[in-house]
Amino acid sequence: MDKPEAIWLVICNCPEEAVARQLATGVINERLAACVNLLPAVESIYRWEGRLELAREIPLLIKTPARNYPALQDWLHAHHPYDVPEIIALPLGAGLPAYLDWVSSCTR
């Protein structure tokens, strides 16, 4: 049995739902990801330019093959309204092989 292609879960927070939908739709249309989940708003607390910040953000959970990550990161960075958006990727250690194959087949 062939080992499924490596799939990553990419997390990207957005300032509002409209931006989250635009980015999610864009990465799917560009075939950079197979699926994007928009989660309910979360409260983020962080330090930015020396000040403590509190923001409501919409997290995106993006599933993509590892081979697509560089292009996905570049696309998100170019289209995201933040100067320094959170774009982080976690390799999936396991998953239903049929799902992992589907993620690979839906992307370029």
PDB file of N, CA and C in Angstrom:
ATOM      1  N   MET A   1       0.849  -1.176   0.000  1.00  0.00           N
ATOM      2  CA  MET A   1       0.000   0.000   0.000  1.00  0.00           C
ATOM      3  C   MET A   1       0.899   1.246   0.000  1.00  0.00           C
ATOM      4  N   ASP A   2       0.613   2.191  -0.894  1.00  0.00           N
ATOM      5  CA  ASP A   2       1.383   3.433  -0.971  1.00  0.00           C
ATOM      6  C   ASP A   2       1.076   4.329   0.225  1.00  0.00           C
ATOM      7  N   LYS A   3       2.117   5.011   0.678  1.00  0.00           N
ATOM      8  CA  LYS A   3       1.943   5.977   1.761  1.00  0.00           C
ATOM      9  C   LYS A   3       1.317   7.243   1.180  1.00  0.00           C
ATOM     10  N   PRO A   4       0.260   7.784   1.837  1.00  0.00           N
ATOM     11  CA  PRO A   4      -0.354   9.021   1.333  1.00  0.00           C
ATOM     12  C   PRO A   4       0.643  10.180   1.339  1.00  0.00           C
ATOM     13  N   GLU A   5       0.424  11.118   0.444  1.00  0.00           N
ATOM     14  CA  GLU A   5       1.248  12.329   0.386  1.00  0.00           C
ATOM     15  C   GLU A   5       1.129  13.089   1.700  1.00  0.00           C
ATOM     16  N   ALA A   6       2.204  13.758   2.116  1.00  0.00           N
ATOM     17  CA  ALA A   6       2.184  14.555   3.345  1.00  0.00           C
ATOM     18  C   ALA A   6       1.194  15.712   3.203  1.00  0.00           C
ATOM     19  N   ILE A   7       0.320  15.833   4.187  1.00  0.00           N
ATOM     20  CA  ILE A   7      -0.690  16.892   4.211  1.00  0.00           C
ATOM     21  C   ILE A   7      -0.417  17.773   5.419  1.00  0.00           C
ATOM     22  N   TRP A   8      -0.597  19.068   5.243  1.00  0.00           N
ATOM     23  CA  TRP A   8      -0.391  20.028   6.320  1.00  0.00           C
ATOM     24  C   TRP A   8      -1.684  20.736   6.657  1.00  0.00           C
ATOM     25  N   LEU A   9      -1.804  21.113   7.906  1.00  0.00           N
ATOM     26  CA  LEU A   9      -2.885  21.966   8.383  1.00  0.00           C
ATOM     27  C   LEU A   9      -2.284  23.350   8.574  1.00  0.00           C
ATOM     28  N   VAL A  10      -2.791  24.323   7.836  1.00  0.00           N
ATOM     29  CA  VAL A  10      -2.287  25.696   7.897  1.00  0.00           C
ATOM     30  C   VAL A  10      -3.306  26.536   8.650  1.00  0.00           C
ATOM     31  N   ILE A  11      -2.827  27.326   9.597  1.00  0.00           N
ATOM     32  CA  ILE A  11      -3.685  28.192  10.396  1.00  0.00           C
ATOM     33  C   ILE A  11      -3.381  29.638  10.029  1.00  0.00           C
ATOM     34  N   CYS A  12      -4.447  30.395   9.783  1.00  0.00           N
ATOM     35  CA  CYS A  12      -4.303  31.804   9.424  1.00  0.00           C
ATOM     36  C   CYS A  12      -5.474  32.570  10.036  1.00  0.00           C
ATOM     37  N   ASN A  13      -5.176  33.547  10.897  1.00  0.00           N
ATOM     38  CA  ASN A  13      -6.228  34.358  11.500  1.00  0.00           C
ATOM     39  C   ASN A  13      -6.525  35.581  10.634  1.00  0.00           C
ATOM     40  N   CYS A  14      -7.808  35.949  10.599  1.00  0.00           N
ATOM     41  CA  CYS A  14      -8.267  37.071   9.776  1.00  0.00           C
ATOM     42  C   CYS A  14      -8.995  38.093  10.651  1.00  0.00           C
ATOM     43  N   PRO A  15      -8.968  39.378  10.245  1.00  0.00           N
ATOM     44  CA  PRO A  15      -9.562  40.420  11.083  1.00  0.00           C
ATOM     45  C   PRO A  15     -11.091  40.424  11.108  1.00  0.00           C
ATOM     46  N   GLU A  16     -11.719  39.815  10.114  1.00  0.00           N
ATOM     47  CA  GLU A  16     -13.192  39.804  10.069  1.00  0.00           C
ATOM     48  C   GLU A  16     -13.655  38.703   9.132  1.00  0.00           C
ATOM     49  N   GLU A  17     -14.951  38.365   9.234  1.00  0.00           N
ATOM     50  CA  GLU A  17     -15.496  37.251   8.479  1.00  0.00           C
ATOM     51  C   GLU A  17     -15.406  37.462   6.969  1.00  0.00           C
ATOM     52  N   ALA A  18     -15.639  38.670   6.486  1.00  0.00           N
ATOM     53  CA  ALA A  18     -15.580  38.920   5.038  1.00  0.00           C
ATOM     54  C   ALA A  18     -14.182  38.625   4.491  1.00  0.00           C
ATOM     55  N   VAL A  19     -13.163  39.020   5.206  1.00  0.00           N
ATOM     56  CA  VAL A  19     -11.786  38.751   4.780  1.00  0.00           C
ATOM     57  C   VAL A  19     -11.520  37.250   4.825  1.00  0.00           C
ATOM     58  N   ALA A  20     -11.986  36.589   5.879  1.00  0.00           N
ATOM     59  CA  ALA A  20     -11.795  35.142   6.003  1.00  0.00           C
ATOM     60  C   ALA A  20     -12.429  34.411   4.827  1.00  0.00           C
ATOM     61  N   ARG A  21     -13.658  34.792   4.468  1.00  0.00           N
ATOM     62  CA  ARG A  21     -14.331  34.155   3.330  1.00  0.00           C
ATOM     63  C   ARG A  21     -13.599  34.421   2.015  1.00  0.00           C
ATOM     64  N   GLN A  22     -13.122  35.644   1.848  1.00  0.00           N
ATOM     65  CA  GLN A  22     -12.396  35.998   0.626  1.00  0.00           C
ATOM     66  C   GLN A  22     -11.107  35.175   0.494  1.00  0.00           C
ATOM     67  N   LEU A  23     -10.359  35.074   1.579  1.00  0.00           N
ATOM     68  CA  LEU A  23      -9.117  34.303   1.536  1.00  0.00           C
ATOM     69  C   LEU A  23      -9.400  32.809   1.338  1.00  0.00           C
ATOM     70  N   ALA A  24     -10.400  32.292   2.047  1.00  0.00           N
ATOM     71  CA  ALA A  24     -10.750  30.879   1.921  1.00  0.00           C
ATOM     72  C   ALA A  24     -11.169  30.543   0.487  1.00  0.00           C
ATOM     73  N   THR A  25     -12.025  31.371  -0.074  1.00  0.00           N
ATOM     74  CA  THR A  25     -12.474  31.152  -1.451  1.00  0.00           C
ATOM     75  C   THR A  25     -11.304  31.269  -2.427  1.00  0.00           C
ATOM     76  N   GLY A  26     -10.429  32.214  -2.187  1.00  0.00           N
ATOM     77  CA  GLY A  26      -9.282  32.411  -3.072  1.00  0.00           C
ATOM     78  C   GLY A  26      -8.354  31.221  -3.115  1.00  0.00           C
ATOM     79  N   VAL A  27      -8.007  30.648  -1.953  1.00  0.00           N
ATOM     80  CA  VAL A  27      -7.078  29.515  -1.972  1.00  0.00           C
ATOM     81  C   VAL A  27      -7.717  28.271  -2.577  1.00  0.00           C
ATOM     82  N   ILE A  28      -9.027  28.141  -2.433  1.00  0.00           N
ATOM     83  CA  ILE A  28      -9.716  27.016  -3.087  1.00  0.00           C
ATOM     84  C   ILE A  28      -9.757  27.245  -4.596  1.00  0.00           C
ATOM     85  N   ASN A  29     -10.124  28.446  -5.029  1.00  0.00           N
ATOM     86  CA  ASN A  29     -10.164  28.740  -6.465  1.00  0.00           C
ATOM     87  C   ASN A  29      -8.806  28.583  -7.130  1.00  0.00           C
ATOM     88  N   GLU A  30      -7.749  28.919  -6.420  1.00  0.00           N
ATOM     89  CA  GLU A  30      -6.387  28.778  -6.955  1.00  0.00           C
ATOM     90  C   GLU A  30      -5.872  27.344  -6.847  1.00  0.00           C
ATOM     91  N   ARG A  31      -6.673  26.466  -6.259  1.00  0.00           N
ATOM     92  CA  ARG A  31      -6.323  25.048  -6.055  1.00  0.00           C
ATOM     93  C   ARG A  31      -5.070  24.888  -5.194  1.00  0.00           C
ATOM     94  N   LEU A  32      -4.887  25.825  -4.264  1.00  0.00           N
ATOM     95  CA  LEU A  32      -3.771  25.749  -3.325  1.00  0.00           C
ATOM     96  C   LEU A  32      -4.134  24.941  -2.087  1.00  0.00           C
ATOM     97  N   ALA A  33      -5.422  24.718  -1.875  1.00  0.00           N
ATOM     98  CA  ALA A  33      -5.917  23.945  -0.746  1.00  0.00           C
ATOM     99  C   ALA A  33      -7.162  23.185  -1.173  1.00  0.00           C
ATOM    100  N   ALA A  34      -7.454  22.113  -0.443  1.00  0.00           N
ATOM    101  CA  ALA A  34      -8.633  21.304  -0.755  1.00  0.00           C
ATOM    102  C   ALA A  34      -9.845  21.733   0.060  1.00  0.00           C
ATOM    103  N   CYS A  35      -9.599  22.243   1.263  1.00  0.00           N
ATOM    104  CA  CYS A  35     -10.689  22.577   2.170  1.00  0.00           C
ATOM    105  C   CYS A  35     -10.215  23.644   3.146  1.00  0.00           C
ATOM    106  N   VAL A  36     -11.112  24.569   3.466  1.00  0.00           N
ATOM    107  CA  VAL A  36     -10.821  25.587   4.470  1.00  0.00           C
ATOM    108  C   VAL A  36     -12.012  25.659   5.413  1.00  0.00           C
ATOM    109  N   ASN A  37     -11.750  25.539   6.705  1.00  0.00           N
ATOM    110  CA  ASN A  37     -12.776  25.726   7.728  1.00  0.00           C
ATOM    111  C   ASN A  37     -12.640  27.120   8.303  1.00  0.00           C
ATOM    112  N   LEU A  38     -13.751  27.857   8.361  1.00  0.00           N
ATOM    113  CA  LEU A  38     -13.803  29.143   9.047  1.00  0.00           C
ATOM    114  C   LEU A  38     -14.380  28.868  10.426  1.00  0.00           C
ATOM    115  N   LEU A  39     -13.606  29.179  11.439  1.00  0.00           N
ATOM    116  CA  LEU A  39     -14.050  28.932  12.800  1.00  0.00           C
ATOM    117  C   LEU A  39     -14.742  30.174  13.352  1.00  0.00           C
ATOM    118  N   PRO A  40     -15.496  30.007  14.434  1.00  0.00           N
ATOM    119  CA  PRO A  40     -16.087  31.187  15.079  1.00  0.00           C
ATOM    120  C   PRO A  40     -14.988  32.124  15.573  1.00  0.00           C
ATOM    121  N   ALA A  41     -15.336  33.350  15.757  1.00  0.00           N
ATOM    122  CA  ALA A  41     -14.368  34.358  16.198  1.00  0.00           C
ATOM    123  C   ALA A  41     -13.716  33.936  17.512  1.00  0.00           C
ATOM    124  N   VAL A  42     -12.436  34.269  17.601  1.00  0.00           N
ATOM    125  CA  VAL A  42     -11.659  34.048  18.819  1.00  0.00           C
ATOM    126  C   VAL A  42     -11.109  35.386  19.279  1.00  0.00           C
ATOM    127  N   GLU A  43     -10.740  35.448  20.529  1.00  0.00           N
ATOM    128  CA  GLU A  43     -10.104  36.639  21.058  1.00  0.00           C
ATOM    129  C   GLU A  43      -8.604  36.393  21.083  1.00  0.00           C
ATOM    130  N   SER A  44      -7.849  37.268  20.455  1.00  0.00           N
ATOM    131  CA  SER A  44      -6.393  37.154  20.416  1.00  0.00           C
ATOM    132  C   SER A  44      -5.777  38.280  21.234  1.00  0.00           C
ATOM    133  N   ILE A  45      -4.816  37.925  22.043  1.00  0.00           N
ATOM    134  CA  ILE A  45      -4.069  38.902  22.835  1.00  0.00           C
ATOM    135  C   ILE A  45      -2.605  38.734  22.448  1.00  0.00           C
ATOM    136  N   TYR A  46      -1.982  39.843  22.046  1.00  0.00           N
ATOM    137  CA  TYR A  46      -0.604  39.773  21.560  1.00  0.00           C
ATOM    138  C   TYR A  46       0.058  41.134  21.705  1.00  0.00           C
ATOM    139  N   ARG A  47       1.359  41.141  21.561  1.00  0.00           N
ATOM    140  CA  ARG A  47       2.110  42.391  21.604  1.00  0.00           C
ATOM    141  C   ARG A  47       2.473  42.760  20.163  1.00  0.00           C
ATOM    142  N   TRP A  48       2.159  44.001  19.784  1.00  0.00           N
ATOM    143  CA  TRP A  48       2.463  44.483  18.441  1.00  0.00           C
ATOM    144  C   TRP A  48       3.024  45.897  18.554  1.00  0.00           C
ATOM    145  N   GLU A  49       4.191  46.088  17.995  1.00  0.00           N
ATOM    146  CA  GLU A  49       4.866  47.385  18.011  1.00  0.00           C
ATOM    147  C   GLU A  49       4.904  47.983  19.424  1.00  0.00           C
ATOM    148  N   GLY A  50       5.239  47.117  20.390  1.00  0.00           N
ATOM    149  CA  GLY A  50       5.435  47.561  21.761  1.00  0.00           C
ATOM    150  C   GLY A  50       4.183  47.709  22.598  1.00  0.00           C
ATOM    151  N   ARG A  51       3.008  47.479  22.007  1.00  0.00           N
ATOM    152  CA  ARG A  51       1.743  47.649  22.744  1.00  0.00           C
ATOM    153  C   ARG A  51       1.018  46.318  22.865  1.00  0.00           C
ATOM    154  N   LEU A  52       0.334  46.155  23.974  1.00  0.00           N
ATOM    155  CA  LEU A  52      -0.526  44.995  24.157  1.00  0.00           C
ATOM    156  C   LEU A  52      -1.792  45.207  23.333  1.00  0.00           C
ATOM    157  N   GLU A  53      -2.134  44.240  22.513  1.00  0.00           N
ATOM    158  CA  GLU A  53      -3.303  44.335  21.629  1.00  0.00           C
ATOM    159  C   GLU A  53      -4.318  43.256  21.991  1.00  0.00           C
ATOM    160  N   LEU A  54      -5.579  43.572  21.789  1.00  0.00           N
ATOM    161  CA  LEU A  54      -6.685  42.647  21.963  1.00  0.00           C
ATOM    162  C   LEU A  54      -7.526  42.748  20.697  1.00  0.00           C
ATOM    163  N   ALA A  55      -7.756  41.616  20.047  1.00  0.00           N
ATOM    164  CA  ALA A  55      -8.498  41.641  18.783  1.00  0.00           C
ATOM    165  C   ALA A  55      -9.397  40.414  18.668  1.00  0.00           C
ATOM    166  N   ARG A  56     -10.527  40.602  17.991  1.00  0.00           N
ATOM    167  CA  ARG A  56     -11.373  39.464  17.594  1.00  0.00           C
ATOM    168  C   ARG A  56     -10.925  39.064  16.198  1.00  0.00           C
ATOM    169  N   GLU A  57     -10.672  37.779  16.014  1.00  0.00           N
ATOM    170  CA  GLU A  57     -10.200  37.285  14.726  1.00  0.00           C
ATOM    171  C   GLU A  57     -10.958  36.016  14.342  1.00  0.00           C
ATOM    172  N   ILE A  58     -11.000  35.765  13.049  1.00  0.00           N
ATOM    173  CA  ILE A  58     -11.618  34.561  12.500  1.00  0.00           C
ATOM    174  C   ILE A  58     -10.497  33.624  12.062  1.00  0.00           C
ATOM    175  N   PRO A  59     -10.354  32.458  12.716  1.00  0.00           N
ATOM    176  CA  PRO A  59      -9.313  31.518  12.303  1.00  0.00           C
ATOM    177  C   PRO A  59      -9.736  30.707  11.080  1.00  0.00           C
ATOM    178  N   LEU A  60      -8.788  30.499  10.202  1.00  0.00           N
ATOM    179  CA  LEU A  60      -8.950  29.590   9.069  1.00  0.00           C
ATOM    180  C   LEU A  60      -8.123  28.343   9.342  1.00  0.00           C
ATOM    181  N   LEU A  61      -8.693  27.181   9.087  1.00  0.00           N
ATOM    182  CA  LEU A  61      -7.969  25.914   9.110  1.00  0.00           C
ATOM    183  C   LEU A  61      -7.924  25.424   7.664  1.00  0.00           C
ATOM    184  N   ILE A  62      -6.737  25.416   7.090  1.00  0.00           N
ATOM    185  CA  ILE A  62      -6.555  25.145   5.664  1.00  0.00           C
ATOM    186  C   ILE A  62      -5.828  23.814   5.505  1.00  0.00           C
ATOM    187  N   LYS A  63      -6.395  22.911   4.698  1.00  0.00           N
ATOM    188  CA  LYS A  63      -5.749  21.626   4.448  1.00  0.00           C
ATOM    189  C   LYS A  63      -5.130  21.629   3.053  1.00  0.00           C
ATOM    190  N   THR A  64      -3.824  21.319   3.004  1.00  0.00           N
ATOM    191  CA  THR A  64      -3.090  21.375   1.745  1.00  0.00           C
ATOM    192  C   THR A  64      -1.946  20.364   1.757  1.00  0.00           C
ATOM    193  N   PRO A  65      -1.553  19.858   0.596  1.00  0.00           N
ATOM    194  CA  PRO A  65      -0.353  19.024   0.554  1.00  0.00           C
ATOM    195  C   PRO A  65       0.887  19.856   0.888  1.00  0.00           C
ATOM    196  N   ALA A  66       1.864  19.242   1.507  1.00  0.00           N
ATOM    197  CA  ALA A  66       3.106  19.936   1.870  1.00  0.00           C
ATOM    198  C   ALA A  66       3.733  20.608   0.647  1.00  0.00           C
ATOM    199  N   ARG A  67       3.624  19.998  -0.519  1.00  0.00           N
ATOM    200  CA  ARG A  67       4.216  20.554  -1.743  1.00  0.00           C
ATOM    201  C   ARG A  67       3.611  21.914  -2.113  1.00  0.00           C
ATOM    202  N   ASN A  68       2.393  22.185  -1.660  1.00  0.00           N
ATOM    203  CA  ASN A  68       1.713  23.446  -1.987  1.00  0.00           C
ATOM    204  C   ASN A  68       1.994  24.553  -0.985  1.00  0.00           C
ATOM    205  N   TYR A  69       2.605  24.212   0.145  1.00  0.00           N
ATOM    206  CA  TYR A  69       2.738  25.208   1.199  1.00  0.00           C
ATOM    207  C   TYR A  69       3.449  26.489   0.756  1.00  0.00           C
ATOM    208  N   PRO A  70       4.585  26.432   0.065  1.00  0.00           N
ATOM    209  CA  PRO A  70       5.239  27.693  -0.323  1.00  0.00           C
ATOM    210  C   PRO A  70       4.327  28.609  -1.145  1.00  0.00           C
ATOM    211  N   ALA A  71       3.626  28.056  -2.118  1.00  0.00           N
ATOM    212  CA  ALA A  71       2.731  28.869  -2.945  1.00  0.00           C
ATOM    213  C   ALA A  71       1.540  29.370  -2.135  1.00  0.00           C
ATOM    214  N   LEU A  72       1.014  28.539  -1.250  1.00  0.00           N
ATOM    215  CA  LEU A  72      -0.101  28.942  -0.393  1.00  0.00           C
ATOM    216  C   LEU A  72       0.328  30.079   0.530  1.00  0.00           C
ATOM    217  N   GLN A  73       1.474  29.944   1.153  1.00  0.00           N
ATOM    218  CA  GLN A  73       1.974  30.999   2.040  1.00  0.00           C
ATOM    219  C   GLN A  73       2.153  32.310   1.280  1.00  0.00           C
ATOM    220  N   ASP A  74       2.750  32.242   0.099  1.00  0.00           N
ATOM    221  CA  ASP A  74       2.954  33.455  -0.700  1.00  0.00           C
ATOM    222  C   ASP A  74       1.628  34.098  -1.073  1.00  0.00           C
ATOM    223  N   TRP A  75       0.637  33.284  -1.469  1.00  0.00           N
ATOM    224  CA  TRP A  75      -0.668  33.816  -1.872  1.00  0.00           C
ATOM    225  C   TRP A  75      -1.362  34.475  -0.682  1.00  0.00           C
ATOM    226  N   LEU A  76      -1.375  33.787   0.464  1.00  0.00           N
ATOM    227  CA  LEU A  76      -2.007  34.358   1.650  1.00  0.00           C
ATOM    228  C   LEU A  76      -1.331  35.663   2.055  1.00  0.00           C
ATOM    229  N   HIS A  77      -0.014  35.679   2.056  1.00  0.00           N
ATOM    230  CA  HIS A  77       0.712  36.886   2.460  1.00  0.00           C
ATOM    231  C   HIS A  77       0.393  38.049   1.514  1.00  0.00           C
ATOM    232  N   ALA A  78       0.291  37.773   0.229  1.00  0.00           N
ATOM    233  CA  ALA A  78       0.014  38.825  -0.759  1.00  0.00           C
ATOM    234  C   ALA A  78      -1.411  39.370  -0.654  1.00  0.00           C
ATOM    235  N   HIS A  79      -2.365  38.552  -0.202  1.00  0.00           N
ATOM    236  CA  HIS A  79      -3.768  38.946  -0.191  1.00  0.00           C
ATOM    237  C   HIS A  79      -4.315  39.284   1.198  1.00  0.00           C
ATOM    238  N   HIS A  80      -3.541  39.073   2.227  1.00  0.00           N
ATOM    239  CA  HIS A  80      -3.991  39.300   3.594  1.00  0.00           C
ATOM    240  C   HIS A  80      -3.836  40.781   3.947  1.00  0.00           C
ATOM    241  N   PRO A  81      -4.789  41.366   4.685  1.00  0.00           N
ATOM    242  CA  PRO A  81      -4.674  42.791   5.015  1.00  0.00           C
ATOM    243  C   PRO A  81      -3.635  43.114   6.098  1.00  0.00           C
ATOM    244  N   TYR A  82      -3.220  42.137   6.900  1.00  0.00           N
ATOM    245  CA  TYR A  82      -2.222  42.405   7.935  1.00  0.00           C
ATOM    246  C   TYR A  82      -0.835  42.540   7.305  1.00  0.00           C
ATOM    247  N   ASP A  83      -0.001  43.393   7.875  1.00  0.00           N
ATOM    248  CA  ASP A  83       1.395  43.494   7.436  1.00  0.00           C
ATOM    249  C   ASP A  83       2.139  42.186   7.692  1.00  0.00           C
ATOM    250  N   VAL A  84       1.887  41.592   8.853  1.00  0.00           N
ATOM    251  CA  VAL A  84       2.528  40.328   9.232  1.00  0.00           C
ATOM    252  C   VAL A  84       1.434  39.363   9.683  1.00  0.00           C
ATOM    253  N   PRO A  85       0.786  38.674   8.736  1.00  0.00           N
ATOM    254  CA  PRO A  85      -0.288  37.762   9.123  1.00  0.00           C
ATOM    255  C   PRO A  85       0.261  36.497   9.771  1.00  0.00           C
ATOM    256  N   GLU A  86      -0.547  35.945  10.657  1.00  0.00           N
ATOM    257  CA  GLU A  86      -0.216  34.629  11.206  1.00  0.00           C
ATOM    258  C   GLU A  86      -0.477  33.600  10.118  1.00  0.00           C
ATOM    259  N   ILE A  87       0.574  32.954   9.664  1.00  0.00           N
ATOM    260  CA  ILE A  87       0.473  31.845   8.718  1.00  0.00           C
ATOM    261  C   ILE A  87       1.422  30.786   9.249  1.00  0.00           C
ATOM    262  N   ILE A  88       0.857  29.744   9.847  1.00  0.00           N
ATOM    263  CA  ILE A  88       1.682  28.671  10.399  1.00  0.00           C
ATOM    264  C   ILE A  88       1.164  27.338   9.885  1.00  0.00           C
ATOM    265  N   ALA A  89       2.056  26.366   9.776  1.00  0.00           N
ATOM    266  CA  ALA A  89       1.690  25.070   9.220  1.00  0.00           C
ATOM    267  C   ALA A  89       2.131  23.956  10.156  1.00  0.00           C
ATOM    268  N   LEU A  90       1.256  22.988  10.300  1.00  0.00           N
ATOM    269  CA  LEU A  90       1.529  21.814  11.119  1.00  0.00           C
ATOM    270  C   LEU A  90       1.395  20.569  10.248  1.00  0.00           C
ATOM    271  N   PRO A  91       2.400  19.713  10.222  1.00  0.00           N
ATOM    272  CA  PRO A  91       2.252  18.470   9.460  1.00  0.00           C
ATOM    273  C   PRO A  91       1.268  17.544  10.165  1.00  0.00           C
ATOM    274  N   LEU A  92       0.412  16.917   9.395  1.00  0.00           N
ATOM    275  CA  LEU A  92      -0.519  15.949   9.968  1.00  0.00           C
ATOM    276  C   LEU A  92       0.207  14.609  10.097  1.00  0.00           C
ATOM    277  N   GLY A  93       0.218  14.072  11.290  1.00  0.00           N
ATOM    278  CA  GLY A  93       0.904  12.810  11.532  1.00  0.00           C
ATOM    279  C   GLY A  93       0.151  11.606  11.005  1.00  0.00           C
ATOM    280  N   ALA A  94      -1.153  11.735  10.876  1.00  0.00           N
ATOM    281  CA  ALA A  94      -1.981  10.622  10.414  1.00  0.00           C
ATOM    282  C   ALA A  94      -3.326  11.171   9.975  1.00  0.00           C
ATOM    283  N   GLY A  95      -4.043  10.349   9.260  1.00  0.00           N
ATOM    284  CA  GLY A  95      -5.386  10.713   8.820  1.00  0.00           C
ATOM    285  C   GLY A  95      -5.959   9.594   7.980  1.00  0.00           C
ATOM    286  N   LEU A  96      -7.243   9.636   7.756  1.00  0.00           N
ATOM    287  CA  LEU A  96      -7.894   8.642   6.908  1.00  0.00           C
ATOM    288  C   LEU A  96      -7.245   8.700   5.529  1.00  0.00           C
ATOM    289  N   PRO A  97      -6.651   7.624   5.054  1.00  0.00           N
ATOM    290  CA  PRO A  97      -5.952   7.673   3.761  1.00  0.00           C
ATOM    291  C   PRO A  97      -6.816   8.197   2.618  1.00  0.00           C
ATOM    292  N   ALA A  98      -8.082   7.841   2.578  1.00  0.00           N
ATOM    293  CA  ALA A  98      -8.953   8.323   1.501  1.00  0.00           C
ATOM    294  C   ALA A  98      -9.104   9.843   1.574  1.00  0.00           C
ATOM    295  N   TYR A  99      -9.184  10.413   2.781  1.00  0.00           N
ATOM    296  CA  TYR A  99      -9.271  11.871   2.928  1.00  0.00           C
ATOM    297  C   TYR A  99      -7.980  12.533   2.491  1.00  0.00           C
ATOM    298  N   LEU A 100      -6.856  12.001   2.918  1.00  0.00           N
ATOM    299  CA  LEU A 100      -5.561  12.572   2.550  1.00  0.00           C
ATOM    300  C   LEU A 100      -5.368  12.526   1.031  1.00  0.00           C
ATOM    301  N   ASP A 101      -5.781  11.418   0.401  1.00  0.00           N
ATOM    302  CA  ASP A 101      -5.712  11.325  -1.066  1.00  0.00           C
ATOM    303  C   ASP A 101      -6.606  12.373  -1.719  1.00  0.00           C
ATOM    304  N   TRP A 102      -7.790  12.599  -1.143  1.00  0.00           N
ATOM    305  CA  TRP A 102      -8.711  13.614  -1.676  1.00  0.00           C
ATOM    306  C   TRP A 102      -8.080  14.992  -1.612  1.00  0.00           C
ATOM    307  N   VAL A 103      -7.435  15.346  -0.487  1.00  0.00           N
ATOM    308  CA  VAL A 103      -6.769  16.632  -0.369  1.00  0.00           C
ATOM    309  C   VAL A 103      -5.748  16.786  -1.490  1.00  0.00           C
ATOM    310  N   SER A 104      -4.963  15.747  -1.727  1.00  0.00           N
ATOM    311  CA  SER A 104      -3.962  15.803  -2.796  1.00  0.00           C
ATOM    312  C   SER A 104      -4.591  15.961  -4.166  1.00  0.00           C
ATOM    313  N   SER A 105      -5.686  15.259  -4.402  1.00  0.00           N
ATOM    314  CA  SER A 105      -6.300  15.272  -5.746  1.00  0.00           C
ATOM    315  C   SER A 105      -7.015  16.589  -6.064  1.00  0.00           C
ATOM    316  N   CYS A 106      -7.386  17.362  -5.050  1.00  0.00           N
ATOM    317  CA  CYS A 106      -8.116  18.616  -5.260  1.00  0.00           C
ATOM    318  C   CYS A 106      -7.199  19.818  -5.493  1.00  0.00           C
ATOM    319  N   THR A 107      -5.899  19.612  -5.412  1.00  0.00           N
ATOM    320  CA  THR A 107      -4.965  20.721  -5.478  1.00  0.00           C
ATOM    321  C   THR A 107      -4.029  20.544  -6.662  1.00  0.00           C
ATOM    322  N   ARG A 108      -3.357  21.625  -6.997  1.00  0.00           N
ATOM    323  CA  ARG A 108      -2.446  21.543  -8.153  1.00  0.00           C
ATOM    324  C   ARG A 108      -1.071  21.071  -7.763  1.00  0.00           C
TER     325      ARG A 108
END
